[in-house]
PDB file of all heavy atoms in Angstrom:
ATOM      1  N   ALA A   1    -128.648 -67.464  21.609  1.00  0.00           N
ATOM      2  CA  ALA A   1    -127.960 -68.077  22.751  1.00  0.00           C
ATOM      3  C   ALA A   1    -128.368 -69.536  22.916  1.00  0.00           C
ATOM      4  O   ALA A   1    -127.524 -70.414  23.135  1.00  0.00           O
ATOM      5  CB  ALA A   1    -128.260 -67.295  24.026  1.00  0.00           C
ATOM      6  N   THR A   2    -129.665 -69.815  22.787  1.00  0.00           N
ATOM      7  CA  THR A   2    -130.135 -71.199  22.921  1.00  0.00           C
ATOM      8  C   THR A   2    -129.598 -72.067  21.796  1.00  0.00           C
ATOM      9  O   THR A   2    -129.138 -73.192  22.015  1.00  0.00           O
ATOM     10  CB  THR A   2    -131.674 -71.244  22.934  1.00  0.00           C
ATOM     11  OG1 THR A   2    -132.145 -70.585  24.115  1.00  0.00           O
ATOM     12  CG2 THR A   2    -132.188 -72.674  22.912  1.00  0.00           C
ATOM     13  N   LEU A   3    -129.640 -71.554  20.573  1.00  0.00           N
ATOM     14  CA  LEU A   3    -129.132 -72.329  19.443  1.00  0.00           C
ATOM     15  C   LEU A   3    -127.648 -72.646  19.614  1.00  0.00           C
ATOM     16  O   LEU A   3    -127.212 -73.783  19.413  1.00  0.00           O
ATOM     17  CB  LEU A   3    -129.347 -71.568  18.139  1.00  0.00           C
ATOM     18  CG  LEU A   3    -130.800 -71.418  17.665  1.00  0.00           C
ATOM     19  CD1 LEU A   3    -130.852 -70.546  16.419  1.00  0.00           C
ATOM     20  CD2 LEU A   3    -131.430 -72.779  17.384  1.00  0.00           C
ATOM     21  N   LEU A   4    -126.862 -71.642  20.009  1.00  0.00           N
ATOM     22  CA  LEU A   4    -125.421 -71.857  20.161  1.00  0.00           C
ATOM     23  C   LEU A   4    -125.140 -72.841  21.284  1.00  0.00           C
ATOM     24  O   LEU A   4    -124.258 -73.703  21.176  1.00  0.00           O
ATOM     25  CB  LEU A   4    -124.717 -70.525  20.428  1.00  0.00           C
ATOM     26  CG  LEU A   4    -123.186 -70.571  20.468  1.00  0.00           C
ATOM     27  CD1 LEU A   4    -122.625 -71.106  19.157  1.00  0.00           C
ATOM     28  CD2 LEU A   4    -122.624 -69.182  20.766  1.00  0.00           C
ATOM     29  N   ARG A   5    -125.909 -72.738  22.376  1.00  0.00           N
ATOM     30  CA  ARG A   5    -125.709 -73.655  23.499  1.00  0.00           C
ATOM     31  C   ARG A   5    -125.978 -75.102  23.080  1.00  0.00           C
ATOM     32  O   ARG A   5    -125.184 -75.993  23.340  1.00  0.00           O
ATOM     33  CB  ARG A   5    -126.601 -73.271  24.671  1.00  0.00           C
ATOM     34  CG  ARG A   5    -126.416 -74.182  25.885  1.00  0.00           C
ATOM     35  CD  ARG A   5    -127.205 -73.715  27.088  1.00  0.00           C
ATOM     36  NE  ARG A   5    -128.639 -73.799  26.881  1.00  0.00           N
ATOM     37  CZ  ARG A   5    -129.446 -72.767  26.760  1.00  0.00           C
ATOM     38  NH1 ARG A   5    -128.951 -71.537  26.785  1.00  0.00           N
ATOM     39  NH2 ARG A   5    -130.737 -72.912  26.578  1.00  0.00           N
ATOM     40  N   VAL A   6    -127.088 -75.306  22.395  1.00  0.00           N
ATOM     41  CA  VAL A   6    -127.452 -76.664  21.978  1.00  0.00           C
ATOM     42  C   VAL A   6    -126.465 -77.191  20.948  1.00  0.00           C
ATOM     43  O   VAL A   6    -125.992 -78.335  21.040  1.00  0.00           O
ATOM     44  CB  VAL A   6    -128.888 -76.688  21.418  1.00  0.00           C
ATOM     45  CG1 VAL A   6    -129.198 -78.057  20.804  1.00  0.00           C
ATOM     46  CG2 VAL A   6    -129.894 -76.380  22.519  1.00  0.00           C
ATOM     47  N   PHE A   7    -126.124 -76.369  19.969  1.00  0.00           N
ATOM     48  CA  PHE A   7    -125.247 -76.838  18.895  1.00  0.00           C
ATOM     49  C   PHE A   7    -123.834 -77.123  19.408  1.00  0.00           C
ATOM     50  O   PHE A   7    -123.207 -78.108  19.005  1.00  0.00           O
ATOM     51  CB  PHE A   7    -125.198 -75.822  17.755  1.00  0.00           C
ATOM     52  CG  PHE A   7    -126.507 -75.645  17.024  1.00  0.00           C
ATOM     53  CD1 PHE A   7    -126.696 -74.593  16.146  1.00  0.00           C
ATOM     54  CD2 PHE A   7    -127.560 -76.523  17.228  1.00  0.00           C
ATOM     55  CE1 PHE A   7    -127.899 -74.424  15.469  1.00  0.00           C
ATOM     56  CE2 PHE A   7    -128.765 -76.365  16.562  1.00  0.00           C
ATOM     57  CZ  PHE A   7    -128.941 -75.314  15.688  1.00  0.00           C
ATOM     58  N   SER A   8    -123.302 -76.265  20.271  1.00  0.00           N
ATOM     59  CA  SER A   8    -121.944 -76.491  20.776  1.00  0.00           C
ATOM     60  C   SER A   8    -121.903 -77.718  21.676  1.00  0.00           C
ATOM     61  O   SER A   8    -120.951 -78.502  21.643  1.00  0.00           O
ATOM     62  CB  SER A   8    -121.421 -75.259  21.518  1.00  0.00           C
ATOM     63  OG  SER A   8    -122.255 -74.931  22.619  1.00  0.00           O
ATOM     64  N   ARG A   9    -122.953 -77.895  22.492  1.00  0.00           N
ATOM     65  CA  ARG A   9    -123.019 -79.082  23.349  1.00  0.00           C
ATOM     66  C   ARG A   9    -123.138 -80.348  22.495  1.00  0.00           C
ATOM     67  O   ARG A   9    -122.490 -81.360  22.756  1.00  0.00           O
ATOM     68  CB  ARG A   9    -124.205 -78.960  24.296  1.00  0.00           C
ATOM     69  CG  ARG A   9    -124.289 -80.074  25.338  1.00  0.00           C
ATOM     70  CD  ARG A   9    -125.342 -79.741  26.369  1.00  0.00           C
ATOM     71  NE  ARG A   9    -126.666 -79.646  25.784  1.00  0.00           N
ATOM     72  CZ  ARG A   9    -127.669 -78.955  26.311  1.00  0.00           C
ATOM     73  NH1 ARG A   9    -127.490 -78.267  27.425  1.00  0.00           N
ATOM     74  NH2 ARG A   9    -128.853 -78.935  25.734  1.00  0.00           N
ATOM     75  N   ALA A  10    -123.939 -80.270  21.441  1.00  0.00           N
ATOM     76  CA  ALA A  10    -124.122 -81.431  20.571  1.00  0.00           C
ATOM     77  C   ALA A  10    -122.845 -81.749  19.805  1.00  0.00           C
ATOM     78  O   ALA A  10    -122.489 -82.917  19.628  1.00  0.00           O
ATOM     79  CB  ALA A  10    -125.267 -81.176  19.599  1.00  0.00           C
ATOM     80  N   LYS A  11    -122.139 -80.725  19.343  1.00  0.00           N
ATOM     81  CA  LYS A  11    -120.886 -80.955  18.620  1.00  0.00           C
ATOM     82  C   LYS A  11    -119.886 -81.692  19.497  1.00  0.00           C
ATOM     83  O   LYS A  11    -119.253 -82.670  19.069  1.00  0.00           O
ATOM     84  CB  LYS A  11    -120.286 -79.627  18.159  1.00  0.00           C
ATOM     85  CG  LYS A  11    -118.960 -79.771  17.401  1.00  0.00           C
ATOM     86  CD  LYS A  11    -118.430 -78.408  16.985  1.00  0.00           C
ATOM     87  CE  LYS A  11    -117.161 -78.552  16.145  1.00  0.00           C
ATOM     88  NZ  LYS A  11    -116.044 -79.124  16.939  1.00  0.00           N
ATOM     89  N   ALA A  12    -119.757 -81.239  20.741  1.00  0.00           N
ATOM     90  CA  ALA A  12    -118.821 -81.901  21.652  1.00  0.00           C
ATOM     91  C   ALA A  12    -119.252 -83.328  21.936  1.00  0.00           C
ATOM     92  O   ALA A  12    -118.434 -84.249  21.953  1.00  0.00           O
ATOM     93  CB  ALA A  12    -118.727 -81.115  22.953  1.00  0.00           C
ATOM     94  N   ALA A  13    -120.551 -83.513  22.145  1.00  0.00           N
ATOM     95  CA  ALA A  13    -121.047 -84.864  22.416  1.00  0.00           C
ATOM     96  C   ALA A  13    -120.808 -85.778  21.230  1.00  0.00           C
ATOM     97  O   ALA A  13    -120.424 -86.938  21.385  1.00  0.00           O
ATOM     98  CB  ALA A  13    -122.533 -84.810  22.762  1.00  0.00           C
ATOM     99  N   ARG A  14    -121.003 -85.252  20.022  1.00  0.00           N
ATOM    100  CA  ARG A  14    -120.804 -86.067  18.818  1.00  0.00           C
ATOM    101  C   ARG A  14    -119.347 -86.502  18.685  1.00  0.00           C
ATOM    102  O   ARG A  14    -119.052 -87.620  18.267  1.00  0.00           O
ATOM    103  CB  ARG A  14    -121.235 -85.280  17.578  1.00  0.00           C
ATOM    104  CG  ARG A  14    -120.996 -86.022  16.263  1.00  0.00           C
ATOM    105  CD  ARG A  14    -121.767 -87.338  16.224  1.00  0.00           C
ATOM    106  NE  ARG A  14    -121.478 -88.110  15.024  1.00  0.00           N
ATOM    107  CZ  ARG A  14    -120.448 -88.942  14.883  1.00  0.00           C
ATOM    108  NH1 ARG A  14    -119.594 -89.102  15.887  1.00  0.00           N
ATOM    109  NH2 ARG A  14    -120.271 -89.615  13.770  1.00  0.00           N
ATOM    110  N   GLU A  15    -118.436 -85.612  19.064  1.00  0.00           N
ATOM    111  CA  GLU A  15    -117.025 -85.958  18.961  1.00  0.00           C
ATOM    112  C   GLU A  15    -116.652 -87.110  19.883  1.00  0.00           C
ATOM    113  O   GLU A  15    -115.687 -87.822  19.661  1.00  0.00           O
ATOM    114  CB  GLU A  15    -116.164 -84.723  19.266  1.00  0.00           C
ATOM    115  CG  GLU A  15    -116.227 -83.673  18.155  1.00  0.00           C
ATOM    116  CD  GLU A  15    -115.633 -82.343  18.573  1.00  0.00           C
ATOM    117  OE1 GLU A  15    -115.240 -82.210  19.752  1.00  0.00           O
ATOM    118  OE2 GLU A  15    -115.569 -81.435  17.725  1.00  0.00           O
ATOM    119  N   HIS A  16    -117.452 -87.289  20.929  1.00  0.00           N
ATOM    120  CA  HIS A  16    -117.183 -88.377  21.874  1.00  0.00           C
ATOM    121  C   HIS A  16    -118.262 -89.445  21.810  1.00  0.00           C
ATOM    122  O   HIS A  16    -118.425 -90.229  22.726  1.00  0.00           O
ATOM    123  CB  HIS A  16    -117.080 -87.820  23.294  1.00  0.00           C
ATOM    124  CG  HIS A  16    -115.985 -86.823  23.449  1.00  0.00           C
ATOM    125  ND1 HIS A  16    -114.658 -87.178  23.493  1.00  0.00           N
ATOM    126  CD2 HIS A  16    -116.013 -85.476  23.543  1.00  0.00           C
ATOM    127  CE1 HIS A  16    -113.922 -86.089  23.614  1.00  0.00           C
ATOM    128  NE2 HIS A  16    -114.713 -85.054  23.647  1.00  0.00           N
ATOM    129  N   PHE A  17    -118.986 -89.501  20.687  1.00  0.00           N
ATOM    130  CA  PHE A  17    -120.162 -90.374  20.623  1.00  0.00           C
ATOM    131  C   PHE A  17    -119.802 -91.840  20.809  1.00  0.00           C
ATOM    132  O   PHE A  17    -120.549 -92.603  21.404  1.00  0.00           O
ATOM    133  CB  PHE A  17    -120.871 -90.182  19.272  1.00  0.00           C
ATOM    134  CG  PHE A  17    -122.252 -90.771  19.249  1.00  0.00           C
ATOM    135  CD1 PHE A  17    -123.291 -90.105  19.879  1.00  0.00           C
ATOM    136  CD2 PHE A  17    -122.513 -91.970  18.634  1.00  0.00           C
ATOM    137  CE1 PHE A  17    -124.571 -90.630  19.873  1.00  0.00           C
ATOM    138  CE2 PHE A  17    -123.785 -92.511  18.621  1.00  0.00           C
ATOM    139  CZ  PHE A  17    -124.821 -91.837  19.243  1.00  0.00           C
ATOM    140  N   SER A  18    -118.635 -92.219  20.318  1.00  0.00           N
ATOM    141  CA  SER A  18    -118.252 -93.624  20.455  1.00  0.00           C
ATOM    142  C   SER A  18    -118.017 -94.002  21.904  1.00  0.00           C
ATOM    143  O   SER A  18    -117.958 -95.180  22.236  1.00  0.00           O
ATOM    144  CB  SER A  18    -116.979 -93.907  19.643  1.00  0.00           C
ATOM    145  OG  SER A  18    -115.897 -93.171  20.163  1.00  0.00           O
ATOM    146  N   LYS A  19    -117.890 -92.999  22.782  1.00  0.00           N
ATOM    147  CA  LYS A  19    -117.658 -93.268  24.195  1.00  0.00           C
ATOM    148  C   LYS A  19    -118.926 -93.117  25.028  1.00  0.00           C
ATOM    149  O   LYS A  19    -118.889 -93.092  26.243  1.00  0.00           O
ATOM    150  CB  LYS A  19    -116.596 -92.303  24.731  1.00  0.00           C
ATOM    151  CG  LYS A  19    -115.283 -92.403  23.991  1.00  0.00           C
ATOM    152  CD  LYS A  19    -114.349 -91.315  24.463  1.00  0.00           C
ATOM    153  CE  LYS A  19    -113.025 -91.384  23.717  1.00  0.00           C
ATOM    154  NZ  LYS A  19    -112.119 -90.307  24.121  1.00  0.00           N
ATOM    155  N   MET A  20    -120.053 -92.980  24.377  1.00  0.00           N
ATOM    156  CA  MET A  20    -121.277 -92.625  25.085  1.00  0.00           C
ATOM    157  C   MET A  20    -122.254 -93.783  25.266  1.00  0.00           C
ATOM    158  O   MET A  20    -123.374 -93.578  25.694  1.00  0.00           O
ATOM    159  CB  MET A  20    -121.997 -91.487  24.353  1.00  0.00           C
ATOM    160  CG  MET A  20    -121.242 -90.185  24.402  1.00  0.00           C
ATOM    161  SD  MET A  20    -121.958 -88.964  23.310  1.00  0.00           S
ATOM    162  CE  MET A  20    -123.607 -88.845  23.961  1.00  0.00           C
ATOM    163  N   LEU A  21    -121.861 -95.010  24.967  1.00  0.00           N
ATOM    164  CA  LEU A  21    -122.821 -96.099  24.955  1.00  0.00           C
ATOM    165  C   LEU A  21    -123.425 -96.345  26.330  1.00  0.00           C
ATOM    166  O   LEU A  21    -124.539 -96.837  26.451  1.00  0.00           O
ATOM    167  CB  LEU A  21    -122.158 -97.380  24.435  1.00  0.00           C
ATOM    168  CG  LEU A  21    -123.112 -98.507  24.068  1.00  0.00           C
ATOM    169  CD1 LEU A  21    -124.105 -98.045  23.005  1.00  0.00           C
ATOM    170  CD2 LEU A  21    -122.342 -99.715  23.579  1.00  0.00           C
ATOM    171  N   SER A  22    -122.688 -95.989  27.382  1.00  0.00           N
ATOM    172  CA  SER A  22    -123.232 -96.220  28.712  1.00  0.00           C
ATOM    173  C   SER A  22    -124.272 -95.177  29.088  1.00  0.00           C
ATOM    174  O   SER A  22    -124.824 -95.223  30.185  1.00  0.00           O
ATOM    175  CB  SER A  22    -122.114 -96.204  29.754  1.00  0.00           C
ATOM    176  OG  SER A  22    -121.569 -94.918  29.853  1.00  0.00           O
ATOM    177  N   GLY A  23    -124.521 -94.207  28.215  1.00  0.00           N
ATOM    178  CA  GLY A  23    -125.580 -93.228  28.465  1.00  0.00           C
ATOM    179  C   GLY A  23    -125.103 -91.962  29.121  1.00  0.00           C
ATOM    180  O   GLY A  23    -125.876 -91.059  29.396  1.00  0.00           O
ATOM    181  N   GLN A  24    -123.790 -91.853  29.410  1.00  0.00           N
ATOM    182  CA  GLN A  24    -123.271 -90.648  30.022  1.00  0.00           C
ATOM    183  C   GLN A  24    -122.809 -89.710  28.925  1.00  0.00           C
ATOM    184  O   GLN A  24    -122.445 -90.129  27.832  1.00  0.00           O
ATOM    185  CB  GLN A  24    -122.106 -90.993  30.954  1.00  0.00           C
ATOM    186  CG  GLN A  24    -122.563 -91.836  32.135  1.00  0.00           C
ATOM    187  CD  GLN A  24    -121.410 -92.554  32.784  1.00  0.00           C
ATOM    188  OE1 GLN A  24    -120.491 -92.980  32.114  1.00  0.00           O
ATOM    189  NE2 GLN A  24    -121.473 -92.703  34.085  1.00  0.00           N
ATOM    190  N   ALA A  25    -122.790 -88.420  29.228  1.00  0.00           N
ATOM    191  CA  ALA A  25    -122.468 -87.436  28.202  1.00  0.00           C
ATOM    192  C   ALA A  25    -121.006 -87.463  27.819  1.00  0.00           C
ATOM    193  O   ALA A  25    -120.646 -87.142  26.712  1.00  0.00           O
ATOM    194  CB  ALA A  25    -122.847 -86.034  28.686  1.00  0.00           C
ATOM    195  N   TYR A  26    -120.152 -87.831  28.741  1.00  0.00           N
ATOM    196  CA  TYR A  26    -118.725 -87.882  28.407  1.00  0.00           C
ATOM    197  C   TYR A  26    -118.119 -89.043  29.164  1.00  0.00           C
ATOM    198  O   TYR A  26    -118.051 -89.038  30.381  1.00  0.00           O
ATOM    199  CB  TYR A  26    -118.003 -86.590  28.797  1.00  0.00           C
ATOM    200  CG  TYR A  26    -116.555 -86.632  28.406  1.00  0.00           C
ATOM    201  CD1 TYR A  26    -116.163 -86.206  27.144  1.00  0.00           C
ATOM    202  CD2 TYR A  26    -115.601 -87.157  29.260  1.00  0.00           C
ATOM    203  CE1 TYR A  26    -114.842 -86.280  26.754  1.00  0.00           C
ATOM    204  CE2 TYR A  26    -114.280 -87.236  28.872  1.00  0.00           C
ATOM    205  CZ  TYR A  26    -113.903 -86.787  27.628  1.00  0.00           C
ATOM    206  OH  TYR A  26    -112.597 -86.872  27.248  1.00  0.00           O
ATOM    207  N   VAL A  27    -117.682 -90.043  28.459  1.00  0.00           N
ATOM    208  CA  VAL A  27    -117.146 -91.245  29.086  1.00  0.00           C
ATOM    209  C   VAL A  27    -115.833 -91.595  28.418  1.00  0.00           C
ATOM    210  O   VAL A  27    -115.763 -91.764  27.214  1.00  0.00           O
ATOM    211  CB  VAL A  27    -118.122 -92.440  28.959  1.00  0.00           C
ATOM    212  CG1 VAL A  27    -117.530 -93.663  29.640  1.00  0.00           C
ATOM    213  CG2 VAL A  27    -119.450 -92.109  29.612  1.00  0.00           C
ATOM    214  N   THR A  28    -114.780 -91.706  29.207  1.00  0.00           N
ATOM    215  CA  THR A  28    -113.500 -92.005  28.605  1.00  0.00           C
ATOM    216  C   THR A  28    -113.323 -93.465  28.299  1.00  0.00           C
ATOM    217  O   THR A  28    -112.593 -93.824  27.393  1.00  0.00           O
ATOM    218  CB  THR A  28    -112.362 -91.567  29.530  1.00  0.00           C
ATOM    219  OG1 THR A  28    -112.475 -92.309  30.751  1.00  0.00           O
ATOM    220  CG2 THR A  28    -112.436 -90.094  29.831  1.00  0.00           C
ATOM    221  N   ASN A  29    -113.937 -94.329  29.111  1.00  0.00           N
ATOM    222  CA  ASN A  29    -113.819 -95.783  28.886  1.00  0.00           C
ATOM    223  C   ASN A  29    -112.374 -96.228  28.772  1.00  0.00           C
ATOM    224  O   ASN A  29    -112.031 -97.125  28.026  1.00  0.00           O
ATOM    225  CB  ASN A  29    -114.564 -96.210  27.618  1.00  0.00           C
ATOM    226  CG  ASN A  29    -116.053 -96.303  27.868  1.00  0.00           C
ATOM    227  OD1 ASN A  29    -116.489 -96.429  29.006  1.00  0.00           O
ATOM    228  ND2 ASN A  29    -116.831 -96.261  26.816  1.00  0.00           N
ATOM    229  N   ASN A  30    -111.480 -95.569  29.544  1.00  0.00           N
ATOM    230  CA  ASN A  30    -110.084 -95.976  29.458  1.00  0.00           C
ATOM    231  C   ASN A  30    -109.878 -97.431  29.842  1.00  0.00           C
ATOM    232  O   ASN A  30    -108.912 -98.060  29.431  1.00  0.00           O
ATOM    233  CB  ASN A  30    -109.223 -95.091  30.369  1.00  0.00           C
ATOM    234  CG  ASN A  30    -108.843 -93.792  29.687  1.00  0.00           C
ATOM    235  OD1 ASN A  30    -108.765 -93.737  28.476  1.00  0.00           O
ATOM    236  ND2 ASN A  30    -108.617 -92.756  30.459  1.00  0.00           N
ATOM    237  N   ALA A  31    -110.791 -97.968  30.679  1.00  0.00           N
ATOM    238  CA  ALA A  31    -110.630 -99.355  31.099  1.00  0.00           C
ATOM    239  C   ALA A  31    -110.675-100.297  29.904  1.00  0.00           C
ATOM    240  O   ALA A  31    -110.161-101.405  29.954  1.00  0.00           O
ATOM    241  CB  ALA A  31    -111.719 -99.723  32.106  1.00  0.00           C
ATOM    242  N   GLU A  32    -111.313 -99.846  28.811  1.00  0.00           N
ATOM    243  CA  GLU A  32    -111.405-100.704  27.630  1.00  0.00           C
ATOM    244  C   GLU A  32    -110.134-100.643  26.792  1.00  0.00           C
ATOM    245  O   GLU A  32    -109.925-101.468  25.913  1.00  0.00           O
ATOM    246  CB  GLU A  32    -112.599-100.288  26.774  1.00  0.00           C
ATOM    247  CG  GLU A  32    -113.933-100.487  27.463  1.00  0.00           C
ATOM    248  CD  GLU A  32    -115.070 -99.954  26.618  1.00  0.00           C
ATOM    249  OE1 GLU A  32    -114.898 -99.836  25.400  1.00  0.00           O
ATOM    250  OE2 GLU A  32    -116.120 -99.650  27.185  1.00  0.00           O
ATOM    251  N   LYS A  33    -109.291 -99.645  27.031  1.00  0.00           N
ATOM    252  CA  LYS A  33    -108.074 -99.504  26.253  1.00  0.00           C
ATOM    253  C   LYS A  33    -106.951-100.302  26.919  1.00  0.00           C
ATOM    254  O   LYS A  33    -106.867-100.387  28.130  1.00  0.00           O
ATOM    255  CB  LYS A  33    -107.655 -98.033  26.164  1.00  0.00           C
ATOM    256  CG  LYS A  33    -108.696 -97.112  25.535  1.00  0.00           C
ATOM    257  CD  LYS A  33    -108.200 -95.683  25.601  1.00  0.00           C
ATOM    258  CE  LYS A  33    -109.244 -94.693  25.104  1.00  0.00           C
ATOM    259  NZ  LYS A  33    -108.805 -93.303  25.292  1.00  0.00           N
ATOM    260  N   GLN A  34    -106.102-100.872  26.129  1.00  0.00           N
ATOM    261  CA  GLN A  34    -104.912-101.529  26.641  1.00  0.00           C
ATOM    262  C   GLN A  34    -103.715-100.883  25.950  1.00  0.00           C
ATOM    263  O   GLN A  34    -103.422-101.181  24.802  1.00  0.00           O
ATOM    264  CB  GLN A  34    -104.968-103.034  26.384  1.00  0.00           C
ATOM    265  CG  GLN A  34    -106.049-103.752  27.169  1.00  0.00           C
ATOM    266  CD  GLN A  34    -105.853-103.635  28.666  1.00  0.00           C
ATOM    267  OE1 GLN A  34    -104.727-103.641  29.162  1.00  0.00           O
ATOM    268  NE2 GLN A  34    -106.947-103.514  29.400  1.00  0.00           N
ATOM    269  N   VAL A  35    -103.078 -99.963  26.660  1.00  0.00           N
ATOM    270  CA  VAL A  35    -101.955 -99.229  26.086  1.00  0.00           C
ATOM    271  C   VAL A  35    -100.694 -99.603  26.851  1.00  0.00           C
ATOM    272  O   VAL A  35    -100.675 -99.584  28.079  1.00  0.00           O
ATOM    273  CB  VAL A  35    -102.193 -97.714  26.151  1.00  0.00           C
ATOM    274  CG1 VAL A  35    -100.996 -96.963  25.581  1.00  0.00           C
ATOM    275  CG2 VAL A  35    -103.458 -97.344  25.383  1.00  0.00           C
ATOM    276  N   THR A  36     -99.661 -99.961  26.117  1.00  0.00           N
ATOM    277  CA  THR A  36     -98.385-100.345  26.711  1.00  0.00           C
ATOM    278  C   THR A  36     -97.276 -99.473  26.136  1.00  0.00           C
ATOM    279  O   THR A  36     -97.219 -99.249  24.925  1.00  0.00           O
ATOM    280  CB  THR A  36     -98.086-101.825  26.418  1.00  0.00           C
ATOM    281  OG1 THR A  36     -99.106-102.634  27.014  1.00  0.00           O
ATOM    282  CG2 THR A  36     -96.730-102.235  26.984  1.00  0.00           C
TER     283      THR A  36
END
């Protein structure tokens, strides 16, 4: 249970790693995007 919890949490965090520079676990940083 502990291994699965850590690994699944880490997998999700890794998928959003480029959005994590501010130190939060999940950051969308939409303000940095300019979509028209």
